C-alpha cells in the first residue's frame, strides 16, 4: 500500500491531535484534603486510623470515635508524590490541628504526631510522606517505603500502628497497607 506524502502528514497530524487531546485530560495524582487514613491487613479490612488521647500514638480500629478507649477520629491532608510538600498533616474532626505524621522514638516505633514541622529537604534530598496512588508511603530519598504494621493492644479490635523498618515480627502483629480515602 502506498500513501502520498500529503496522506502521511494528514495521518500524522490526526494522530498528534488525538494524543494532545488525551494528554490534556490526564492529570497527575492530586493531593487529598480532609481524608481518612484507613488500614488494610489480616485483621483490619478498611479500618480507620484514630489518635490515642492517652499516649499520642495512632491506632487502627473499626470505631475511631471510641471514647471508652480514649480514641479520637482524625482527618488528614495528604500530599501527592508529585507535589513538593512531603508533610502529612492531621486534624481532629472538630477542626483543631493535631500535628504532623511521624515515627515516634518509642521502642516499638509507634506512629504518632509531632507539632514540629518535619524537615523535608536536606542538601537537596527530599524526605517525607506522600501518596503513591492512594497508598501512603515514605520517601527516604532513594526509595519509597511502606513498612506499616499493626500490633494488638489490650483492647480487642484495636491495633497500634507502627513502623517496622527492621522487619521484626512480634506475636499477633501483621503488615498493613495504609491508604488515604478522601471524604466527600
N, C-alpha and C. Protein backbone atom coordinates (compact mmCIF):
# COMPACT_ATOMS: atom_id res chain seq x y z
N UNK A 1 0.85 -1.17 0.00
CA UNK A 1 0.00 0.00 0.00
C UNK A 1 0.89 1.23 0.00
N UNK A 2 0.60 2.17 -0.85
CA UNK A 2 1.38 3.38 -0.99
C UNK A 2 0.52 4.57 -0.58
N UNK A 3 1.08 5.42 0.31
CA UNK A 3 0.39 6.65 0.71
C UNK A 3 1.21 7.84 0.25
N UNK A 4 0.54 8.83 -0.22
CA UNK A 4 1.24 10.04 -0.64
C UNK A 4 1.76 10.77 0.59
N UNK A 5 2.70 11.68 0.37
CA UNK A 5 3.23 12.48 1.46
C UNK A 5 2.12 13.24 2.16
N UNK A 6 1.18 13.75 1.40
CA UNK A 6 0.06 14.51 1.97
C UNK A 6 -0.77 13.61 2.88
N UNK A 7 -1.02 12.39 2.46
CA UNK A 7 -1.81 11.46 3.27
C UNK A 7 -1.07 11.09 4.55
N UNK A 8 0.25 10.87 4.45
CA UNK A 8 1.05 10.53 5.63
C UNK A 8 1.03 11.69 6.62
N UNK A 9 1.24 12.91 6.12
CA UNK A 9 1.21 14.08 7.00
C UNK A 9 -0.16 14.28 7.63
N UNK A 10 -1.22 14.01 6.89
CA UNK A 10 -2.58 14.14 7.42
C UNK A 10 -2.81 13.13 8.54
N UNK A 11 -2.36 11.89 8.33
CA UNK A 11 -2.50 10.86 9.37
C UNK A 11 -1.66 11.21 10.60
N UNK A 12 -0.46 11.68 10.36
CA UNK A 12 0.41 12.08 11.46
C UNK A 12 -0.21 13.22 12.26
N UNK A 13 -0.74 14.22 11.57
CA UNK A 13 -1.38 15.34 12.24
C UNK A 13 -2.60 14.88 13.03
N UNK A 14 -3.39 13.98 12.48
CA UNK A 14 -4.57 13.46 13.18
C UNK A 14 -4.14 12.71 14.44
N UNK A 15 -3.07 11.93 14.33
CA UNK A 15 -2.57 11.19 15.49
C UNK A 15 -2.08 12.12 16.58
N UNK A 16 -1.34 13.15 16.20
CA UNK A 16 -0.85 14.12 17.18
C UNK A 16 -1.99 14.89 17.83
N UNK A 17 -3.01 15.22 17.06
CA UNK A 17 -4.18 15.91 17.60
C UNK A 17 -4.87 15.03 18.64
N UNK A 18 -5.04 13.75 18.33
CA UNK A 18 -5.65 12.81 19.29
C UNK A 18 -4.79 12.68 20.54
N UNK A 19 -3.49 12.55 20.37
CA UNK A 19 -2.59 12.41 21.52
C UNK A 19 -2.64 13.66 22.40
N UNK A 20 -2.68 14.82 21.79
CA UNK A 20 -2.76 16.07 22.55
C UNK A 20 -4.07 16.15 23.32
N UNK A 21 -5.15 15.72 22.70
CA UNK A 21 -6.45 15.75 23.37
C UNK A 21 -6.47 14.81 24.56
N UNK A 22 -5.87 13.64 24.42
CA UNK A 22 -5.83 12.67 25.52
C UNK A 22 -4.95 13.18 26.65
N UNK A 23 -3.74 13.64 26.32
CA UNK A 23 -2.81 14.05 27.37
C UNK A 23 -3.27 15.30 28.09
N UNK A 24 -4.08 16.13 27.48
CA UNK A 24 -4.54 17.34 28.17
C UNK A 24 -5.59 17.00 29.22
N UNK A 25 -6.22 15.82 29.13
CA UNK A 25 -7.22 15.45 30.13
C UNK A 25 -6.63 14.60 31.24
N UNK A 26 -5.41 14.10 31.08
CA UNK A 26 -4.77 13.30 32.11
C UNK A 26 -4.11 14.24 33.11
N UNK A 27 -4.41 14.01 34.40
CA UNK A 27 -3.82 14.83 35.44
C UNK A 27 -3.00 13.96 36.37
N UNK A 28 -1.99 14.54 36.97
CA UNK A 28 -1.22 13.83 37.97
C UNK A 28 -2.11 13.58 39.18
N UNK A 29 -1.73 12.61 39.96
CA UNK A 29 -2.47 12.30 41.19
C UNK A 29 -2.46 13.54 42.06
N UNK A 30 -3.64 13.94 42.51
CA UNK A 30 -3.74 15.16 43.31
C UNK A 30 -3.60 14.85 44.79
N UNK A 31 -3.26 15.86 45.53
CA UNK A 31 -3.24 15.74 46.98
C UNK A 31 -4.67 15.58 47.48
N UNK A 32 -4.83 15.04 48.68
CA UNK A 32 -6.15 14.87 49.26
C UNK A 32 -6.25 15.70 50.52
N UNK A 33 -7.40 16.31 50.72
CA UNK A 33 -7.65 17.07 51.94
C UNK A 33 -8.86 16.48 52.65
N UNK A 34 -8.87 16.62 53.96
CA UNK A 34 -9.94 16.05 54.79
C UNK A 34 -10.17 14.58 54.48
N UNK A 35 -9.09 13.85 54.34
CA UNK A 35 -9.15 12.42 54.02
C UNK A 35 -9.08 11.61 55.31
N UNK A 36 -9.52 10.38 55.20
CA UNK A 36 -9.39 9.43 56.29
C UNK A 36 -8.28 8.46 55.91
N UNK A 37 -7.38 8.18 56.84
CA UNK A 37 -6.39 7.13 56.63
C UNK A 37 -7.02 5.82 57.08
N UNK A 38 -6.96 4.82 56.22
CA UNK A 38 -7.52 3.50 56.55
C UNK A 38 -6.44 2.45 56.35
N UNK A 39 -6.54 1.38 57.14
CA UNK A 39 -5.57 0.29 57.08
C UNK A 39 -6.23 -0.97 56.55
N UNK A 40 -5.48 -1.68 55.72
CA UNK A 40 -5.92 -2.95 55.17
C UNK A 40 -4.89 -4.00 55.57
N UNK A 41 -5.36 -5.04 56.24
CA UNK A 41 -4.46 -6.10 56.66
C UNK A 41 -5.24 -7.32 57.09
N UNK A 42 -4.54 -8.27 57.68
CA UNK A 42 -5.14 -9.54 58.08
C UNK A 42 -6.38 -9.36 58.94
N UNK A 43 -6.30 -8.54 59.96
CA UNK A 43 -7.43 -8.36 60.89
C UNK A 43 -8.09 -6.99 60.77
N UNK A 44 -7.78 -6.26 59.73
CA UNK A 44 -8.35 -4.91 59.60
C UNK A 44 -8.61 -4.60 58.13
N UNK A 45 -9.81 -4.79 57.71
CA UNK A 45 -10.16 -4.52 56.32
C UNK A 45 -10.81 -3.16 56.22
N UNK A 46 -10.04 -2.18 55.79
CA UNK A 46 -10.53 -0.81 55.63
C UNK A 46 -10.96 -0.19 56.96
N UNK A 47 -10.12 -0.37 57.98
CA UNK A 47 -10.40 0.23 59.29
C UNK A 47 -9.70 1.58 59.39
N UNK A 48 -10.40 2.59 59.90
CA UNK A 48 -9.79 3.92 60.04
C UNK A 48 -8.67 3.95 61.08
N UNK A 49 -7.84 4.96 60.96
CA UNK A 49 -6.75 5.18 61.91
C UNK A 49 -7.15 6.34 62.81
N UNK A 50 -7.07 6.09 64.12
CA UNK A 50 -7.50 7.06 65.13
C UNK A 50 -6.31 7.49 65.99
N UNK A 51 -6.51 8.58 66.69
CA UNK A 51 -5.48 9.15 67.57
C UNK A 51 -5.74 8.68 69.00
N UNK A 52 -4.69 8.20 69.68
CA UNK A 52 -4.80 7.80 71.08
C UNK A 52 -4.56 8.99 71.99
N UNK A 53 -5.60 9.42 72.68
CA UNK A 53 -5.51 10.61 73.53
C UNK A 53 -4.50 10.42 74.66
N UNK A 54 -4.41 9.22 75.21
CA UNK A 54 -3.54 8.97 76.36
C UNK A 54 -2.05 9.01 76.03
N UNK A 55 -1.67 8.54 74.84
CA UNK A 55 -0.24 8.42 74.54
C UNK A 55 0.21 9.12 73.25
N UNK A 56 -0.73 9.62 72.45
CA UNK A 56 -0.37 10.31 71.22
C UNK A 56 -0.02 9.40 70.07
N UNK A 57 -0.24 8.10 70.22
CA UNK A 57 0.03 7.15 69.15
C UNK A 57 -1.19 7.01 68.25
N UNK A 58 -0.98 6.38 67.10
CA UNK A 58 -2.08 6.14 66.16
C UNK A 58 -2.50 4.68 66.24
N UNK A 59 -3.82 4.48 66.14
CA UNK A 59 -4.39 3.14 66.30
C UNK A 59 -5.32 2.81 65.14
N UNK A 60 -5.36 1.54 64.80
CA UNK A 60 -6.27 1.02 63.77
C UNK A 60 -7.46 0.42 64.50
N UNK A 61 -8.67 0.85 64.14
CA UNK A 61 -9.86 0.37 64.82
C UNK A 61 -11.09 0.57 63.94
N UNK A 62 -12.10 -0.26 64.15
CA UNK A 62 -13.37 -0.06 63.44
C UNK A 62 -14.11 1.14 63.99
N UNK A 63 -13.83 1.50 65.25
CA UNK A 63 -14.56 2.58 65.91
C UNK A 63 -13.59 3.68 66.35
N UNK A 64 -13.22 4.57 65.42
CA UNK A 64 -12.23 5.60 65.75
C UNK A 64 -12.73 6.64 66.76
N UNK A 65 -14.03 6.67 67.00
CA UNK A 65 -14.58 7.62 67.98
C UNK A 65 -14.89 6.92 69.30
N UNK A 66 -14.17 5.86 69.62
CA UNK A 66 -14.38 5.06 70.83
C UNK A 66 -13.86 5.83 72.04
N UNK A 67 -14.74 6.56 72.71
CA UNK A 67 -14.32 7.39 73.85
C UNK A 67 -13.89 6.54 75.04
N UNK A 68 -14.44 5.33 75.19
CA UNK A 68 -14.03 4.48 76.32
C UNK A 68 -12.59 4.00 76.16
N UNK A 69 -12.09 3.95 74.93
CA UNK A 69 -10.69 3.59 74.67
C UNK A 69 -9.83 4.84 74.50
N UNK A 70 -10.42 6.01 74.74
CA UNK A 70 -9.72 7.30 74.59
C UNK A 70 -9.12 7.48 73.20
N UNK A 71 -9.95 7.18 72.20
CA UNK A 71 -9.55 7.39 70.81
C UNK A 71 -10.32 8.55 70.22
N UNK A 72 -9.69 9.22 69.27
CA UNK A 72 -10.28 10.38 68.61
C UNK A 72 -10.11 10.21 67.09
N UNK A 73 -11.22 10.33 66.33
CA UNK A 73 -11.09 10.23 64.87
C UNK A 73 -10.32 11.43 64.31
N UNK A 74 -9.72 11.24 63.15
CA UNK A 74 -8.90 12.29 62.55
C UNK A 74 -9.17 12.42 61.07
N UNK A 75 -8.85 13.60 60.56
CA UNK A 75 -8.83 13.86 59.12
C UNK A 75 -7.41 14.26 58.75
N UNK A 76 -7.04 14.04 57.50
CA UNK A 76 -5.65 14.23 57.09
C UNK A 76 -5.55 15.01 55.79
N UNK A 77 -4.52 15.83 55.69
CA UNK A 77 -4.13 16.45 54.43
C UNK A 77 -2.93 15.66 53.92
N UNK A 78 -3.11 15.06 52.74
CA UNK A 78 -2.13 14.12 52.21
C UNK A 78 -1.55 14.63 50.90
N UNK A 79 -0.26 14.94 50.86
CA UNK A 79 0.34 15.40 49.60
C UNK A 79 0.49 14.25 48.61
N UNK A 80 0.49 14.59 47.33
CA UNK A 80 0.74 13.56 46.32
C UNK A 80 2.24 13.41 46.14
N UNK A 81 2.64 12.30 45.58
CA UNK A 81 4.06 12.03 45.38
C UNK A 81 4.67 12.98 44.35
N UNK A 82 3.83 13.60 43.53
CA UNK A 82 4.34 14.52 42.52
C UNK A 82 4.44 15.94 43.04
N UNK A 83 3.99 16.17 44.26
CA UNK A 83 3.99 17.52 44.82
C UNK A 83 5.30 17.84 45.53
N UNK A 84 5.35 19.03 46.09
CA UNK A 84 6.55 19.49 46.77
C UNK A 84 6.46 19.34 48.29
N UNK A 85 5.25 19.23 48.83
CA UNK A 85 5.05 19.19 50.27
C UNK A 85 4.98 17.73 50.72
N UNK A 86 5.99 17.26 51.42
CA UNK A 86 6.03 15.86 51.85
C UNK A 86 5.65 15.72 53.32
N UNK A 87 4.76 16.59 53.79
CA UNK A 87 4.32 16.56 55.18
C UNK A 87 2.85 16.13 55.22
N UNK A 88 2.54 15.15 56.06
CA UNK A 88 1.15 14.72 56.25
C UNK A 88 0.65 15.38 57.52
N UNK A 89 -0.41 16.15 57.38
CA UNK A 89 -0.94 16.98 58.43
C UNK A 89 -2.24 16.39 58.97
N UNK A 90 -2.33 16.17 60.29
CA UNK A 90 -3.54 15.62 60.89
C UNK A 90 -4.36 16.69 61.58
N UNK A 91 -5.68 16.52 61.53
CA UNK A 91 -6.62 17.45 62.16
C UNK A 91 -7.69 16.63 62.85
N UNK A 92 -8.07 17.05 64.06
CA UNK A 92 -9.20 16.40 64.72
C UNK A 92 -10.48 16.79 63.99
N UNK A 93 -11.52 15.97 64.13
CA UNK A 93 -12.75 16.23 63.38
C UNK A 93 -13.42 17.55 63.77
N UNK A 94 -13.06 18.11 64.93
CA UNK A 94 -13.61 19.42 65.32
C UNK A 94 -12.86 20.58 64.67
N UNK A 95 -11.84 20.26 63.85
CA UNK A 95 -11.10 21.29 63.12
C UNK A 95 -9.79 21.71 63.77
N UNK A 96 -9.51 21.23 64.98
CA UNK A 96 -8.27 21.58 65.67
C UNK A 96 -7.09 20.84 65.06
N UNK A 97 -6.02 21.57 64.78
CA UNK A 97 -4.83 20.94 64.22
C UNK A 97 -4.22 19.98 65.24
N UNK A 98 -3.84 18.79 64.78
CA UNK A 98 -3.28 17.78 65.67
C UNK A 98 -1.77 17.65 65.53
N UNK A 99 -1.23 17.96 64.37
CA UNK A 99 0.20 17.85 64.15
C UNK A 99 0.53 17.09 62.89
N UNK A 100 1.80 16.75 62.76
CA UNK A 100 2.32 16.09 61.57
C UNK A 100 2.59 14.61 61.86
N UNK A 101 2.34 13.78 60.87
CA UNK A 101 2.60 12.35 60.98
C UNK A 101 4.09 12.12 61.22
N UNK A 102 4.40 11.23 62.16
CA UNK A 102 5.81 10.94 62.44
C UNK A 102 5.97 9.54 63.01
N UNK A 103 7.18 9.05 62.93
CA UNK A 103 7.55 7.81 63.61
C UNK A 103 8.11 8.23 64.95
N UNK A 104 7.52 7.75 66.04
CA UNK A 104 7.96 8.19 67.36
C UNK A 104 9.27 7.51 67.75
N UNK A 105 9.87 8.02 68.81
CA UNK A 105 11.10 7.43 69.33
C UNK A 105 10.83 6.27 70.27
N UNK A 106 9.59 5.81 70.33
CA UNK A 106 9.24 4.72 71.24
C UNK A 106 9.97 3.44 70.82
N UNK A 107 10.07 2.50 71.75
CA UNK A 107 10.77 1.25 71.49
C UNK A 107 10.18 0.50 70.30
N UNK A 108 8.86 0.57 70.14
CA UNK A 108 8.21 -0.17 69.05
C UNK A 108 8.01 0.67 67.80
N UNK A 109 8.57 1.89 67.77
CA UNK A 109 8.47 2.78 66.60
C UNK A 109 7.02 3.06 66.22
N UNK A 110 6.21 3.33 67.23
CA UNK A 110 4.79 3.62 67.01
C UNK A 110 4.65 4.87 66.14
N UNK A 111 3.61 4.87 65.32
CA UNK A 111 3.29 6.06 64.53
C UNK A 111 2.55 7.02 65.45
N UNK A 112 2.86 8.29 65.32
CA UNK A 112 2.22 9.31 66.14
C UNK A 112 2.22 10.64 65.43
N UNK A 113 2.11 11.69 66.22
CA UNK A 113 2.07 13.05 65.68
C UNK A 113 3.12 13.89 66.37
N UNK A 114 3.61 14.88 65.66
CA UNK A 114 4.54 15.84 66.25
C UNK A 114 4.08 17.24 65.87
N UNK A 115 4.34 18.19 66.75
CA UNK A 115 3.99 19.58 66.45
C UNK A 115 5.11 20.26 65.66
N UNK A 116 6.28 19.65 65.64
CA UNK A 116 7.41 20.21 64.90
C UNK A 116 7.24 19.93 63.41
N UNK A 117 7.49 20.94 62.61
CA UNK A 117 7.42 20.76 61.16
C UNK A 117 8.57 19.85 60.75
N UNK A 118 8.25 18.70 60.14
CA UNK A 118 9.33 17.79 59.75
C UNK A 118 10.20 18.37 58.65
N UNK A 119 11.49 18.10 58.71
CA UNK A 119 12.41 18.52 57.66
C UNK A 119 12.13 17.68 56.44
N UNK A 120 11.90 18.31 55.30
CA UNK A 120 11.61 17.55 54.09
C UNK A 120 12.69 17.69 53.03
N UNK A 121 13.70 18.52 53.29
CA UNK A 121 14.78 18.66 52.31
C UNK A 121 16.08 18.92 53.05
N UNK A 122 17.05 18.06 52.83
CA UNK A 122 18.38 18.21 53.41
C UNK A 122 19.38 18.06 52.28
N UNK A 123 20.17 19.09 52.04
CA UNK A 123 21.16 19.06 50.95
C UNK A 123 20.55 18.61 49.63
N UNK A 124 19.43 19.18 49.30
CA UNK A 124 18.68 18.90 48.06
C UNK A 124 18.16 17.47 47.99
N UNK A 125 18.08 16.78 49.12
CA UNK A 125 17.48 15.45 49.18
C UNK A 125 16.10 15.60 49.82
N UNK A 126 15.13 14.90 49.26
CA UNK A 126 13.76 15.01 49.76
C UNK A 126 13.40 13.79 50.59
N UNK A 127 12.81 14.05 51.75
CA UNK A 127 12.35 13.00 52.65
C UNK A 127 10.91 13.32 53.02
N UNK A 128 10.13 12.31 53.35
CA UNK A 128 8.81 12.58 53.89
C UNK A 128 7.74 11.64 53.38
N UNK A 129 6.50 11.97 53.74
CA UNK A 129 5.32 11.15 53.47
C UNK A 129 4.54 11.72 52.31
N UNK A 130 3.94 10.84 51.51
CA UNK A 130 3.07 11.26 50.42
C UNK A 130 2.26 10.06 49.94
N UNK A 131 1.30 10.35 49.07
CA UNK A 131 0.51 9.29 48.47
C UNK A 131 1.16 8.82 47.17
N UNK A 132 1.25 7.52 47.02
CA UNK A 132 1.61 6.90 45.75
C UNK A 132 0.33 6.22 45.30
N UNK A 133 -0.36 6.82 44.33
CA UNK A 133 -1.76 6.48 44.02
C UNK A 133 -2.54 6.78 45.29
N UNK A 134 -3.13 5.78 45.94
CA UNK A 134 -3.85 6.05 47.19
C UNK A 134 -3.09 5.54 48.40
N UNK A 135 -1.94 4.89 48.19
CA UNK A 135 -1.18 4.31 49.30
C UNK A 135 -0.23 5.33 49.91
N UNK A 136 -0.21 5.39 51.25
CA UNK A 136 0.71 6.27 51.95
C UNK A 136 2.09 5.61 51.99
N UNK A 137 3.10 6.35 51.56
CA UNK A 137 4.47 5.84 51.52
C UNK A 137 5.42 6.88 52.11
N UNK A 138 6.62 6.41 52.45
CA UNK A 138 7.68 7.28 52.94
C UNK A 138 8.79 7.31 51.91
N UNK A 139 9.25 8.51 51.56
CA UNK A 139 10.36 8.69 50.63
C UNK A 139 11.61 8.95 51.46
N UNK A 140 12.58 8.03 51.38
CA UNK A 140 13.83 8.24 52.12
C UNK A 140 14.93 8.77 51.20
N UNK A 141 14.54 9.34 50.08
CA UNK A 141 15.38 9.94 49.06
C UNK A 141 16.00 8.93 48.11
N UNK A 142 15.85 7.64 48.37
CA UNK A 142 16.36 6.67 47.41
C UNK A 142 15.29 5.66 47.02
N UNK A 143 14.27 5.50 47.86
CA UNK A 143 13.20 4.57 47.55
C UNK A 143 11.94 4.95 48.32
N UNK A 144 10.82 4.46 47.84
CA UNK A 144 9.56 4.64 48.55
C UNK A 144 9.36 3.43 49.44
N UNK A 145 9.00 3.67 50.69
CA UNK A 145 8.83 2.59 51.64
C UNK A 145 7.42 2.59 52.21
N UNK A 146 6.93 1.40 52.50
CA UNK A 146 5.65 1.23 53.20
C UNK A 146 5.86 0.11 54.21
N UNK A 147 6.29 0.46 55.39
CA UNK A 147 6.64 -0.52 56.43
C UNK A 147 5.64 -0.47 57.59
N UNK A 148 4.39 -0.18 57.29
CA UNK A 148 3.37 -0.10 58.34
C UNK A 148 2.98 -1.49 58.81
N UNK A 149 2.87 -1.63 60.11
CA UNK A 149 2.42 -2.88 60.72
C UNK A 149 1.42 -2.54 61.83
N UNK A 150 0.64 -3.55 62.19
CA UNK A 150 -0.33 -3.41 63.28
C UNK A 150 0.02 -4.41 64.38
N UNK A 151 -0.08 -3.94 65.62
CA UNK A 151 0.22 -4.78 66.78
C UNK A 151 -1.00 -4.77 67.70
N UNK A 152 -1.44 -5.93 68.16
CA UNK A 152 -2.61 -5.96 69.05
C UNK A 152 -2.35 -5.20 70.34
N UNK A 153 -3.39 -4.58 70.86
CA UNK A 153 -3.33 -3.92 72.17
C UNK A 153 -4.10 -4.77 73.17
N UNK A 154 -4.23 -4.27 74.38
CA UNK A 154 -5.01 -4.98 75.40
C UNK A 154 -6.51 -4.91 75.13
N UNK A 155 -6.93 -4.03 74.23
CA UNK A 155 -8.34 -3.88 73.89
C UNK A 155 -8.62 -4.59 72.57
N UNK A 156 -9.64 -5.44 72.59
CA UNK A 156 -9.98 -6.22 71.39
C UNK A 156 -10.29 -5.29 70.21
N UNK A 157 -9.79 -5.65 69.03
CA UNK A 157 -10.03 -4.94 67.77
C UNK A 157 -9.46 -3.53 67.73
N UNK A 158 -8.46 -3.26 68.55
CA UNK A 158 -7.70 -2.00 68.48
C UNK A 158 -6.23 -2.39 68.36
N UNK A 159 -5.59 -1.88 67.30
CA UNK A 159 -4.21 -2.23 67.00
C UNK A 159 -3.35 -0.98 66.94
N UNK A 160 -2.15 -1.06 67.52
CA UNK A 160 -1.18 0.02 67.43
C UNK A 160 -0.59 0.02 66.03
N UNK A 161 -0.54 1.19 65.39
CA UNK A 161 0.10 1.33 64.09
C UNK A 161 1.57 1.66 64.33
N UNK A 162 2.46 0.84 63.77
CA UNK A 162 3.88 1.12 63.97
C UNK A 162 4.66 0.92 62.68
N UNK A 163 5.88 1.47 62.66
CA UNK A 163 6.77 1.41 61.50
C UNK A 163 7.76 0.29 61.75
N UNK A 164 7.74 -0.73 60.92
CA UNK A 164 8.54 -1.94 61.13
C UNK A 164 9.70 -1.97 60.15
N UNK A 165 10.62 -1.06 60.33
CA UNK A 165 11.75 -0.92 59.40
C UNK A 165 12.67 -2.13 59.41
N UNK A 166 12.86 -2.74 60.57
CA UNK A 166 13.77 -3.88 60.66
C UNK A 166 13.08 -5.23 60.47
N UNK A 167 11.78 -5.21 60.13
CA UNK A 167 11.02 -6.43 59.84
C UNK A 167 10.96 -7.40 61.02
N UNK A 168 10.97 -6.86 62.24
CA UNK A 168 10.80 -7.68 63.44
C UNK A 168 9.33 -8.01 63.60
N UNK A 169 9.03 -9.29 63.76
CA UNK A 169 7.63 -9.70 63.87
C UNK A 169 7.36 -10.11 65.31
N UNK A 170 6.47 -9.37 65.97
CA UNK A 170 6.06 -9.74 67.32
C UNK A 170 4.77 -10.53 67.24
N UNK A 171 4.47 -11.27 68.28
CA UNK A 171 3.30 -12.15 68.28
C UNK A 171 2.02 -11.36 68.02
N UNK A 172 1.28 -11.82 67.03
CA UNK A 172 -0.01 -11.21 66.71
C UNK A 172 0.07 -10.01 65.78
N UNK A 173 1.29 -9.53 65.48
CA UNK A 173 1.40 -8.37 64.60
C UNK A 173 1.29 -8.81 63.14
N UNK A 174 0.91 -7.86 62.29
CA UNK A 174 0.74 -8.17 60.87
C UNK A 174 0.95 -6.91 60.05
N UNK A 175 1.41 -7.06 58.79
CA UNK A 175 1.62 -5.88 57.93
C UNK A 175 0.28 -5.30 57.48
N UNK A 176 0.26 -3.99 57.29
CA UNK A 176 -0.93 -3.32 56.77
C UNK A 176 -0.54 -2.36 55.67
N UNK A 177 -1.46 -2.13 54.78
CA UNK A 177 -1.33 -1.09 53.76
C UNK A 177 -2.19 0.07 54.24
N UNK A 178 -1.61 1.26 54.29
CA UNK A 178 -2.34 2.46 54.72
C UNK A 178 -2.68 3.27 53.48
N UNK A 179 -3.96 3.57 53.34
CA UNK A 179 -4.42 4.33 52.17
C UNK A 179 -5.18 5.57 52.63
N UNK A 180 -5.17 6.57 51.77
CA UNK A 180 -5.95 7.78 52.01
C UNK A 180 -7.25 7.72 51.23
N UNK A 181 -8.35 7.98 51.92
CA UNK A 181 -9.67 7.99 51.29
C UNK A 181 -10.28 9.36 51.54
N UNK A 182 -10.43 10.13 50.48
CA UNK A 182 -10.96 11.48 50.62
C UNK A 182 -12.45 11.43 50.90
N UNK A 183 -12.85 12.11 51.99
CA UNK A 183 -14.27 12.17 52.32
C UNK A 183 -14.98 13.10 51.36
N UNK A 184 -16.20 12.71 50.97
CA UNK A 184 -16.92 13.56 50.03
C UNK A 184 -17.86 14.49 50.74
